[in-house]
N, C-alpha and C. Protein backbone atom coordinates (compact mmCIF):
# COMPACT_ATOMS: atom_id res chain seq x y z
N MET A 1 -5.12 87.21 3.22
CA MET A 1 -4.43 86.22 2.42
C MET A 1 -4.97 86.22 0.96
N ALA A 2 -6.27 86.28 0.81
CA ALA A 2 -6.88 86.27 -0.53
C ALA A 2 -6.50 87.56 -1.27
N THR A 3 -6.45 88.69 -0.58
CA THR A 3 -6.08 89.92 -1.25
C THR A 3 -4.63 89.88 -1.70
N LEU A 4 -3.77 89.24 -0.90
CA LEU A 4 -2.36 89.07 -1.27
C LEU A 4 -2.26 88.20 -2.52
N PHE A 5 -3.03 87.15 -2.62
CA PHE A 5 -3.05 86.26 -3.78
C PHE A 5 -3.54 87.04 -5.02
N VAL A 6 -4.60 87.83 -4.86
CA VAL A 6 -5.15 88.63 -5.97
C VAL A 6 -4.10 89.63 -6.40
N LEU A 7 -3.47 90.32 -5.46
CA LEU A 7 -2.43 91.33 -5.74
C LEU A 7 -1.25 90.66 -6.51
N LEU A 8 -0.80 89.52 -6.08
CA LEU A 8 0.31 88.81 -6.76
C LEU A 8 -0.14 88.40 -8.18
N ALA A 9 -1.36 87.94 -8.33
CA ALA A 9 -1.87 87.55 -9.65
C ALA A 9 -1.91 88.76 -10.57
N LEU A 10 -2.38 89.91 -10.05
CA LEU A 10 -2.43 91.14 -10.81
C LEU A 10 -1.03 91.60 -11.22
N ILE A 11 -0.08 91.51 -10.33
CA ILE A 11 1.32 91.89 -10.67
C ILE A 11 1.89 90.96 -11.72
N ALA A 12 1.58 89.67 -11.59
CA ALA A 12 2.05 88.70 -12.59
C ALA A 12 1.46 89.03 -13.98
N LEU A 13 0.16 89.41 -14.05
CA LEU A 13 -0.46 89.75 -15.30
C LEU A 13 0.19 91.00 -15.91
N VAL A 14 0.50 91.97 -15.11
CA VAL A 14 1.13 93.19 -15.60
C VAL A 14 2.50 92.90 -16.16
N VAL A 15 3.28 92.06 -15.44
CA VAL A 15 4.62 91.68 -15.91
C VAL A 15 4.51 90.88 -17.21
N LEU A 16 3.61 89.95 -17.30
CA LEU A 16 3.42 89.20 -18.56
C LEU A 16 3.01 90.10 -19.68
N TRP A 17 2.16 91.05 -19.42
CA TRP A 17 1.73 92.01 -20.40
C TRP A 17 2.90 92.85 -20.90
N ALA A 18 3.75 93.34 -19.99
CA ALA A 18 4.94 94.14 -20.36
C ALA A 18 5.92 93.28 -21.16
N ILE A 19 6.11 92.07 -20.77
CA ILE A 19 7.02 91.16 -21.53
C ILE A 19 6.46 91.00 -22.95
N SER A 20 5.18 90.77 -23.08
CA SER A 20 4.52 90.61 -24.39
C SER A 20 4.77 91.81 -25.27
N ILE A 21 4.58 93.00 -24.73
CA ILE A 21 4.78 94.24 -25.49
C ILE A 21 6.24 94.34 -25.87
N TYR A 22 7.14 94.12 -24.93
CA TYR A 22 8.54 94.24 -25.20
C TYR A 22 8.98 93.27 -26.36
N ASN A 23 8.50 92.06 -26.29
CA ASN A 23 8.83 91.10 -27.33
C ASN A 23 8.27 91.52 -28.68
N ARG A 24 7.07 92.13 -28.72
CA ARG A 24 6.53 92.59 -29.96
C ARG A 24 7.37 93.73 -30.53
N LEU A 25 7.85 94.61 -29.66
CA LEU A 25 8.73 95.72 -30.10
C LEU A 25 10.02 95.18 -30.64
N ILE A 26 10.58 94.18 -30.03
CA ILE A 26 11.82 93.59 -30.50
C ILE A 26 11.60 92.99 -31.89
N ARG A 27 10.47 92.29 -32.08
CA ARG A 27 10.13 91.70 -33.40
C ARG A 27 10.02 92.76 -34.47
N MET A 28 9.34 93.88 -34.15
CA MET A 28 9.14 94.94 -35.10
C MET A 28 10.45 95.62 -35.46
N TYR A 29 11.31 95.83 -34.45
CA TYR A 29 12.64 96.43 -34.64
C TYR A 29 13.48 95.58 -35.53
N ASN A 30 13.46 94.25 -35.34
CA ASN A 30 14.23 93.37 -36.18
C ASN A 30 13.70 93.29 -37.62
N LEU A 31 12.37 93.35 -37.77
CA LEU A 31 11.79 93.36 -39.11
C LEU A 31 12.21 94.63 -39.85
N LYS A 32 12.24 95.76 -39.14
CA LYS A 32 12.67 97.03 -39.77
C LYS A 32 14.13 96.91 -40.18
N ASN A 33 14.98 96.37 -39.33
CA ASN A 33 16.38 96.22 -39.68
C ASN A 33 16.59 95.23 -40.81
N GLU A 34 15.78 94.15 -40.86
CA GLU A 34 15.90 93.20 -41.97
C GLU A 34 15.50 93.90 -43.28
N ALA A 35 14.45 94.72 -43.22
CA ALA A 35 14.03 95.46 -44.43
C ALA A 35 15.12 96.40 -44.90
N TRP A 36 15.76 97.09 -43.94
CA TRP A 36 16.86 98.01 -44.32
C TRP A 36 17.99 97.24 -44.96
N SER A 37 18.26 96.03 -44.47
CA SER A 37 19.29 95.20 -45.04
C SER A 37 18.98 94.85 -46.50
N GLY A 38 17.70 94.60 -46.78
CA GLY A 38 17.30 94.34 -48.17
C GLY A 38 17.58 95.53 -49.10
N ILE A 39 17.29 96.73 -48.64
CA ILE A 39 17.58 97.95 -49.43
C ILE A 39 19.07 98.05 -49.58
N ASP A 40 19.83 97.84 -48.50
CA ASP A 40 21.26 97.99 -48.58
C ASP A 40 21.90 97.07 -49.59
N VAL A 41 21.42 95.83 -49.68
CA VAL A 41 21.94 94.87 -50.63
C VAL A 41 21.70 95.39 -52.08
N GLN A 42 20.51 95.86 -52.34
CA GLN A 42 20.18 96.33 -53.69
C GLN A 42 20.97 97.58 -54.02
N LEU A 43 21.13 98.49 -53.09
CA LEU A 43 21.89 99.71 -53.30
C LEU A 43 23.35 99.41 -53.54
N LYS A 44 23.87 98.40 -52.83
CA LYS A 44 25.28 98.00 -53.04
C LYS A 44 25.47 97.43 -54.42
N ARG A 45 24.48 96.67 -54.90
CA ARG A 45 24.58 96.14 -56.26
C ARG A 45 24.65 97.26 -57.26
N ARG A 46 23.79 98.29 -57.05
CA ARG A 46 23.77 99.47 -57.96
C ARG A 46 25.10 100.21 -57.82
N PHE A 47 25.57 100.40 -56.61
CA PHE A 47 26.80 101.10 -56.35
C PHE A 47 27.95 100.44 -57.07
N ASP A 48 28.00 99.12 -57.10
CA ASP A 48 29.04 98.35 -57.77
C ASP A 48 28.94 98.40 -59.28
N LEU A 49 27.74 98.66 -59.80
CA LEU A 49 27.50 98.71 -61.27
C LEU A 49 27.93 100.08 -61.82
N VAL A 50 27.91 101.12 -61.02
CA VAL A 50 28.17 102.48 -61.49
C VAL A 50 29.53 102.60 -62.19
N PRO A 51 30.64 102.13 -61.58
CA PRO A 51 31.94 102.30 -62.29
C PRO A 51 31.94 101.64 -63.70
N ASN A 52 31.25 100.52 -63.85
CA ASN A 52 31.20 99.93 -65.18
C ASN A 52 30.43 100.76 -66.16
N LEU A 53 29.36 101.38 -65.71
CA LEU A 53 28.60 102.31 -66.56
C LEU A 53 29.47 103.53 -66.95
N ILE A 54 30.13 104.08 -66.00
CA ILE A 54 31.01 105.25 -66.30
C ILE A 54 32.06 104.87 -67.35
N GLU A 55 32.69 103.74 -67.16
CA GLU A 55 33.71 103.30 -68.10
C GLU A 55 33.15 103.08 -69.49
N ALA A 56 31.95 102.50 -69.56
CA ALA A 56 31.34 102.27 -70.87
C ALA A 56 31.04 103.58 -71.58
N VAL A 57 30.54 104.52 -70.87
CA VAL A 57 30.18 105.83 -71.46
C VAL A 57 31.45 106.64 -71.76
N LYS A 58 32.42 106.54 -70.86
CA LYS A 58 33.65 107.30 -71.00
C LYS A 58 34.37 107.01 -72.33
N GLY A 59 34.35 105.76 -72.75
CA GLY A 59 34.95 105.40 -74.01
C GLY A 59 34.37 106.13 -75.19
N TYR A 60 33.12 106.51 -75.12
CA TYR A 60 32.48 107.19 -76.24
C TYR A 60 32.32 108.67 -76.02
N ALA A 61 32.27 109.12 -74.81
CA ALA A 61 31.98 110.51 -74.51
C ALA A 61 33.02 111.05 -73.51
N ALA A 62 34.29 110.96 -73.85
CA ALA A 62 35.32 111.34 -72.94
C ALA A 62 35.27 112.83 -72.53
N HIS A 63 34.73 113.66 -73.36
CA HIS A 63 34.73 115.11 -73.05
C HIS A 63 33.54 115.53 -72.11
N GLU A 64 32.76 114.61 -71.66
CA GLU A 64 31.64 114.90 -70.76
C GLU A 64 32.07 114.77 -69.31
N LYS A 65 33.17 115.47 -68.95
CA LYS A 65 33.75 115.33 -67.62
C LYS A 65 32.83 115.74 -66.49
N GLU A 66 32.01 116.78 -66.71
CA GLU A 66 31.14 117.26 -65.63
C GLU A 66 30.15 116.16 -65.20
N VAL A 67 29.65 115.43 -66.18
CA VAL A 67 28.68 114.35 -65.84
C VAL A 67 29.36 113.26 -65.05
N PHE A 68 30.59 112.92 -65.48
CA PHE A 68 31.36 111.86 -64.78
C PHE A 68 31.70 112.31 -63.35
N MET A 69 32.00 113.59 -63.20
CA MET A 69 32.31 114.09 -61.83
C MET A 69 31.10 114.05 -60.95
N ARG A 70 29.93 114.40 -61.47
CA ARG A 70 28.69 114.32 -60.64
C ARG A 70 28.38 112.89 -60.19
N VAL A 71 28.54 111.97 -61.10
CA VAL A 71 28.29 110.56 -60.73
C VAL A 71 29.31 110.12 -59.71
N THR A 72 30.56 110.48 -59.88
CA THR A 72 31.61 110.08 -58.92
C THR A 72 31.36 110.72 -57.56
N GLU A 73 30.99 112.01 -57.54
CA GLU A 73 30.70 112.68 -56.29
C GLU A 73 29.52 112.08 -55.58
N ALA A 74 28.49 111.76 -56.38
CA ALA A 74 27.29 111.15 -55.76
C ALA A 74 27.60 109.78 -55.17
N ARG A 75 28.42 109.06 -55.91
CA ARG A 75 28.82 107.69 -55.40
C ARG A 75 29.63 107.82 -54.11
N ALA A 76 30.48 108.86 -54.03
CA ALA A 76 31.27 109.09 -52.82
C ALA A 76 30.35 109.50 -51.66
N ALA A 77 29.30 110.27 -51.94
CA ALA A 77 28.36 110.70 -50.92
C ALA A 77 27.64 109.46 -50.32
N VAL A 78 27.35 108.49 -51.18
CA VAL A 78 26.73 107.28 -50.71
C VAL A 78 27.67 106.56 -49.70
N SER A 79 28.96 106.53 -50.01
CA SER A 79 29.90 105.87 -49.11
C SER A 79 30.03 106.56 -47.78
N ARG A 80 29.84 107.89 -47.78
CA ARG A 80 29.99 108.65 -46.55
C ARG A 80 28.72 108.67 -45.68
N SER A 81 27.58 108.30 -46.23
CA SER A 81 26.33 108.41 -45.52
C SER A 81 26.29 107.45 -44.33
N GLN A 82 25.67 107.94 -43.22
CA GLN A 82 25.61 107.16 -41.99
C GLN A 82 24.21 106.75 -41.60
N THR A 83 23.23 107.68 -41.74
CA THR A 83 21.87 107.44 -41.32
C THR A 83 21.05 107.10 -42.53
N VAL A 84 19.81 106.63 -42.23
CA VAL A 84 18.87 106.32 -43.32
C VAL A 84 18.56 107.60 -44.12
N ALA A 85 18.35 108.69 -43.46
CA ALA A 85 18.07 109.95 -44.16
C ALA A 85 19.22 110.39 -45.04
N GLU A 86 20.47 110.34 -44.52
CA GLU A 86 21.63 110.68 -45.30
C GLU A 86 21.77 109.75 -46.50
N ARG A 87 21.55 108.47 -46.26
CA ARG A 87 21.69 107.48 -47.34
C ARG A 87 20.65 107.71 -48.42
N ALA A 88 19.41 108.03 -48.00
CA ALA A 88 18.34 108.32 -48.99
C ALA A 88 18.70 109.54 -49.81
N GLU A 89 19.23 110.58 -49.17
CA GLU A 89 19.59 111.80 -49.89
C GLU A 89 20.73 111.49 -50.88
N ALA A 90 21.73 110.73 -50.42
CA ALA A 90 22.86 110.41 -51.29
C ALA A 90 22.41 109.54 -52.46
N GLU A 91 21.56 108.56 -52.19
CA GLU A 91 21.08 107.69 -53.26
C GLU A 91 20.23 108.45 -54.26
N ASN A 92 19.45 109.43 -53.79
CA ASN A 92 18.68 110.24 -54.71
C ASN A 92 19.58 111.10 -55.59
N MET A 93 20.69 111.59 -54.98
CA MET A 93 21.67 112.32 -55.76
C MET A 93 22.29 111.44 -56.82
N LEU A 94 22.62 110.21 -56.46
CA LEU A 94 23.22 109.26 -57.41
C LEU A 94 22.21 108.94 -58.54
N THR A 95 20.93 108.78 -58.20
CA THR A 95 19.93 108.53 -59.20
C THR A 95 19.89 109.67 -60.21
N GLY A 96 19.90 110.92 -59.72
CA GLY A 96 19.91 112.09 -60.61
C GLY A 96 21.12 112.15 -61.51
N ALA A 97 22.29 111.79 -60.91
CA ALA A 97 23.55 111.79 -61.70
C ALA A 97 23.48 110.72 -62.76
N LEU A 98 22.91 109.53 -62.47
CA LEU A 98 22.82 108.49 -63.42
C LEU A 98 21.85 108.89 -64.55
N LYS A 99 20.80 109.63 -64.23
CA LYS A 99 19.90 110.12 -65.28
C LYS A 99 20.63 111.02 -66.26
N SER A 100 21.52 111.87 -65.71
CA SER A 100 22.36 112.74 -66.54
C SER A 100 23.29 111.91 -67.41
N LEU A 101 23.84 110.88 -66.84
CA LEU A 101 24.74 110.02 -67.58
C LEU A 101 24.01 109.34 -68.77
N PHE A 102 22.80 108.88 -68.53
CA PHE A 102 22.04 108.28 -69.61
C PHE A 102 21.58 109.29 -70.63
N ALA A 103 21.33 110.52 -70.19
CA ALA A 103 20.97 111.58 -71.13
C ALA A 103 22.15 111.89 -72.07
N VAL A 104 23.37 111.88 -71.51
CA VAL A 104 24.56 112.06 -72.34
C VAL A 104 24.72 110.87 -73.30
N ALA A 105 24.44 109.69 -72.82
CA ALA A 105 24.60 108.48 -73.65
C ALA A 105 23.69 108.48 -74.85
N GLU A 106 22.51 109.16 -74.71
CA GLU A 106 21.60 109.20 -75.85
C GLU A 106 22.15 109.98 -77.02
N ASN A 107 23.16 110.80 -76.80
CA ASN A 107 23.76 111.60 -77.85
C ASN A 107 24.79 110.83 -78.67
N TYR A 108 25.04 109.56 -78.27
CA TYR A 108 26.06 108.72 -78.92
C TYR A 108 25.45 107.43 -79.44
N PRO A 109 25.00 107.42 -80.67
CA PRO A 109 24.35 106.24 -81.23
C PRO A 109 25.22 104.96 -81.18
N THR A 110 26.52 105.11 -81.33
CA THR A 110 27.35 103.89 -81.29
C THR A 110 27.38 103.36 -79.84
N LEU A 111 27.32 104.21 -78.88
CA LEU A 111 27.23 103.75 -77.49
C LEU A 111 25.89 103.04 -77.26
N GLN A 112 24.84 103.62 -77.78
CA GLN A 112 23.51 103.02 -77.61
C GLN A 112 23.45 101.65 -78.23
N ALA A 113 24.22 101.42 -79.27
CA ALA A 113 24.24 100.12 -79.95
C ALA A 113 25.21 99.12 -79.30
N SER A 114 26.03 99.59 -78.34
CA SER A 114 27.02 98.72 -77.68
C SER A 114 26.31 97.69 -76.80
N THR A 115 26.63 96.41 -77.03
CA THR A 115 26.02 95.31 -76.28
C THR A 115 26.34 95.44 -74.79
N ASN A 116 27.59 95.78 -74.50
CA ASN A 116 28.00 95.96 -73.09
C ASN A 116 27.16 97.03 -72.41
N PHE A 117 27.02 98.19 -73.09
CA PHE A 117 26.26 99.29 -72.49
C PHE A 117 24.81 98.92 -72.33
N LEU A 118 24.23 98.24 -73.31
CA LEU A 118 22.82 97.80 -73.22
C LEU A 118 22.62 96.81 -72.07
N GLN A 119 23.59 95.92 -71.86
CA GLN A 119 23.48 94.98 -70.74
C GLN A 119 23.56 95.72 -69.41
N LEU A 120 24.47 96.68 -69.31
CA LEU A 120 24.59 97.45 -68.09
C LEU A 120 23.32 98.26 -67.83
N GLN A 121 22.79 98.85 -68.87
CA GLN A 121 21.55 99.61 -68.77
C GLN A 121 20.38 98.72 -68.30
N GLU A 122 20.33 97.53 -68.85
CA GLU A 122 19.28 96.56 -68.45
C GLU A 122 19.44 96.15 -66.99
N GLN A 123 20.69 95.90 -66.58
CA GLN A 123 20.95 95.54 -65.19
C GLN A 123 20.54 96.66 -64.26
N LEU A 124 20.85 97.88 -64.63
CA LEU A 124 20.49 99.03 -63.79
C LEU A 124 18.97 99.17 -63.70
N GLY A 125 18.31 99.01 -64.79
CA GLY A 125 16.83 99.06 -64.78
C GLY A 125 16.24 98.01 -63.87
N SER A 126 16.76 96.79 -63.92
CA SER A 126 16.29 95.74 -63.03
C SER A 126 16.60 96.08 -61.59
N LEU A 127 17.81 96.59 -61.33
CA LEU A 127 18.15 96.97 -59.98
C LEU A 127 17.26 98.08 -59.42
N GLU A 128 16.92 99.04 -60.28
CA GLU A 128 16.05 100.11 -59.84
C GLU A 128 14.69 99.56 -59.40
N ASN A 129 14.19 98.58 -60.14
CA ASN A 129 12.92 97.95 -59.72
C ASN A 129 13.08 97.23 -58.39
N ASP A 130 14.18 96.53 -58.21
CA ASP A 130 14.45 95.81 -56.97
C ASP A 130 14.55 96.84 -55.81
N ILE A 131 15.22 97.93 -56.07
CA ILE A 131 15.37 98.96 -55.05
C ILE A 131 14.02 99.53 -54.68
N GLN A 132 13.17 99.78 -55.64
CA GLN A 132 11.81 100.28 -55.38
C GLN A 132 11.04 99.35 -54.51
N MET A 133 11.08 98.03 -54.83
CA MET A 133 10.37 97.04 -54.04
C MET A 133 10.96 96.97 -52.59
N SER A 134 12.25 96.99 -52.50
CA SER A 134 12.91 96.97 -51.17
C SER A 134 12.56 98.23 -50.37
N ARG A 135 12.53 99.36 -51.05
CA ARG A 135 12.18 100.61 -50.39
C ARG A 135 10.74 100.54 -49.84
N ARG A 136 9.80 100.01 -50.63
CA ARG A 136 8.42 99.89 -50.15
C ARG A 136 8.32 98.96 -48.93
N TYR A 137 9.07 97.88 -49.00
CA TYR A 137 9.04 96.92 -47.90
C TYR A 137 9.63 97.57 -46.64
N TYR A 138 10.77 98.24 -46.79
CA TYR A 138 11.38 98.92 -45.65
C TYR A 138 10.42 99.96 -45.06
N ASN A 139 9.85 100.81 -45.91
CA ASN A 139 8.99 101.88 -45.42
C ASN A 139 7.76 101.27 -44.72
N GLY A 140 7.23 100.15 -45.22
CA GLY A 140 6.13 99.49 -44.50
C GLY A 140 6.57 98.97 -43.14
N ALA A 141 7.74 98.37 -43.09
CA ALA A 141 8.23 97.89 -41.81
C ALA A 141 8.55 99.04 -40.85
N ALA A 142 9.10 100.11 -41.34
CA ALA A 142 9.35 101.30 -40.53
C ALA A 142 8.03 101.90 -40.04
N ARG A 143 7.04 101.95 -40.91
CA ARG A 143 5.72 102.47 -40.51
C ARG A 143 5.15 101.63 -39.38
N ASP A 144 5.13 100.36 -39.56
CA ASP A 144 4.60 99.44 -38.53
C ASP A 144 5.38 99.59 -37.18
N TYR A 145 6.66 99.67 -37.27
CA TYR A 145 7.51 99.86 -36.11
C TYR A 145 7.21 101.21 -35.44
N ASN A 146 7.10 102.25 -36.23
CA ASN A 146 6.81 103.61 -35.67
C ASN A 146 5.47 103.64 -34.98
N ILE A 147 4.45 102.97 -35.58
CA ILE A 147 3.15 102.86 -34.95
C ILE A 147 3.23 102.11 -33.64
N ALA A 148 3.97 100.98 -33.66
CA ALA A 148 4.08 100.16 -32.49
C ALA A 148 4.74 100.92 -31.30
N ILE A 149 5.76 101.74 -31.57
CA ILE A 149 6.43 102.43 -30.48
C ILE A 149 5.70 103.68 -30.01
N ALA A 150 4.73 104.12 -30.81
CA ALA A 150 4.02 105.35 -30.46
C ALA A 150 2.62 105.18 -29.93
N THR A 151 2.09 103.97 -29.99
CA THR A 151 0.73 103.73 -29.48
C THR A 151 0.74 103.28 -28.03
N PHE A 152 -0.32 103.68 -27.35
CA PHE A 152 -0.45 103.34 -25.96
C PHE A 152 -1.00 101.91 -25.86
N PRO A 153 -0.50 101.10 -25.00
CA PRO A 153 0.41 101.27 -23.90
C PRO A 153 1.85 100.98 -24.24
N ALA A 154 2.14 100.54 -25.46
CA ALA A 154 3.51 100.16 -25.83
C ALA A 154 4.46 101.35 -25.74
N VAL A 155 3.97 102.54 -25.90
CA VAL A 155 4.81 103.72 -25.81
C VAL A 155 5.50 103.79 -24.45
N LEU A 156 4.89 103.33 -23.39
CA LEU A 156 5.44 103.36 -22.06
C LEU A 156 6.71 102.47 -21.99
N ILE A 157 6.62 101.33 -22.63
CA ILE A 157 7.77 100.40 -22.64
C ILE A 157 8.80 100.85 -23.66
N ALA A 158 8.35 101.36 -24.79
CA ALA A 158 9.29 101.82 -25.82
C ALA A 158 10.15 102.94 -25.30
N ARG A 159 9.57 103.86 -24.64
CA ARG A 159 10.33 105.00 -24.07
C ARG A 159 11.34 104.50 -23.04
N ARG A 160 10.86 103.59 -22.21
CA ARG A 160 11.72 103.08 -21.14
C ARG A 160 12.97 102.39 -21.64
N PHE A 161 12.84 101.69 -22.83
CA PHE A 161 13.94 100.99 -23.41
C PHE A 161 14.63 101.70 -24.56
N GLY A 162 14.30 102.96 -24.77
CA GLY A 162 15.00 103.80 -25.72
C GLY A 162 14.73 103.56 -27.19
N TYR A 163 13.56 102.99 -27.51
CA TYR A 163 13.21 102.81 -28.95
C TYR A 163 12.97 104.20 -29.54
N GLU A 164 13.53 104.41 -30.70
CA GLU A 164 13.37 105.69 -31.42
C GLU A 164 12.69 105.49 -32.74
N LYS A 165 12.06 106.54 -33.21
CA LYS A 165 11.34 106.53 -34.49
C LYS A 165 12.29 106.22 -35.60
N ALA A 166 11.84 105.37 -36.57
CA ALA A 166 12.65 105.00 -37.72
C ALA A 166 12.39 106.02 -38.83
N ASP A 167 13.45 106.41 -39.55
CA ASP A 167 13.30 107.25 -40.73
C ASP A 167 12.76 106.44 -41.91
N TYR A 168 12.04 107.14 -42.78
CA TYR A 168 11.60 106.50 -44.01
C TYR A 168 12.66 106.74 -45.05
N PHE A 169 12.73 105.81 -46.03
CA PHE A 169 13.63 105.94 -47.17
C PHE A 169 12.78 106.57 -48.27
N GLU A 170 12.90 107.88 -48.41
CA GLU A 170 11.98 108.61 -49.28
C GLU A 170 12.62 109.00 -50.60
N ALA A 171 11.75 109.20 -51.58
CA ALA A 171 12.19 109.59 -52.92
C ALA A 171 12.57 111.06 -52.86
N ALA A 172 13.38 111.50 -53.79
CA ALA A 172 13.78 112.94 -53.90
C ALA A 172 12.54 113.73 -54.29
N GLU A 173 12.58 115.00 -53.89
CA GLU A 173 11.44 115.89 -54.12
C GLU A 173 11.09 115.97 -55.65
N GLU A 174 12.12 116.01 -56.50
CA GLU A 174 11.84 116.09 -57.94
C GLU A 174 11.19 114.84 -58.51
N GLU A 175 11.39 113.70 -57.82
CA GLU A 175 10.79 112.45 -58.29
C GLU A 175 9.30 112.40 -57.93
N ARG A 176 8.89 113.19 -56.94
CA ARG A 176 7.51 113.21 -56.47
C ARG A 176 6.64 114.05 -57.38
N ALA A 177 7.25 115.04 -58.05
CA ALA A 177 6.46 115.93 -58.88
C ALA A 177 5.94 115.21 -60.13
N ALA A 178 4.76 115.60 -60.55
CA ALA A 178 4.16 114.99 -61.73
C ALA A 178 4.98 115.48 -62.96
N PRO A 179 5.28 114.56 -63.88
CA PRO A 179 5.99 115.00 -65.06
C PRO A 179 5.15 115.89 -65.94
N LYS A 180 5.80 116.86 -66.57
CA LYS A 180 5.11 117.80 -67.47
C LYS A 180 5.18 117.23 -68.87
N VAL A 181 4.02 117.10 -69.47
CA VAL A 181 3.95 116.58 -70.82
C VAL A 181 3.44 117.69 -71.74
N ALA A 182 4.17 117.96 -72.81
CA ALA A 182 3.80 119.00 -73.77
C ALA A 182 3.79 118.40 -75.16
N PHE A 183 2.75 118.74 -75.91
CA PHE A 183 2.68 118.29 -77.30
C PHE A 183 2.87 119.38 -78.26
């Protein structure tokens, strides 16, 4: 009788332990998704700003069709992306296209003096900072989640319930390289 009571107590402890791990994994999963939502909001704000930027530059630099096409194609790629990795790649492509757009804009002093263009440029700069902060938060939440599902003993429960590794929202390869400065 005593061994039966000890055995039942041991089973109850194992069940409580498994429930505790499962609840922790659910919490980490939801934090990761909340962090992705934060990135998504900021990227949507930038996505919505792009047509206004194109129109502002188009009025001054109508013959720069290749740049406008790259921005438009990059924006379309963002719309088609499904996974975090695809979205990161498309957003990095859009960032590169926007850099080209601003490089073209530097050739037009009247555009640089336009209040509308300056406001859009300031908004984009602010959004880029917000995106960077959201990206860091998401990557931290993804890191914590990935550690939680890969460490023992949680890995036993994570595998059982189909938890999969989260992708990081990474910068483009060219953004990682140190800038070359020449005097």
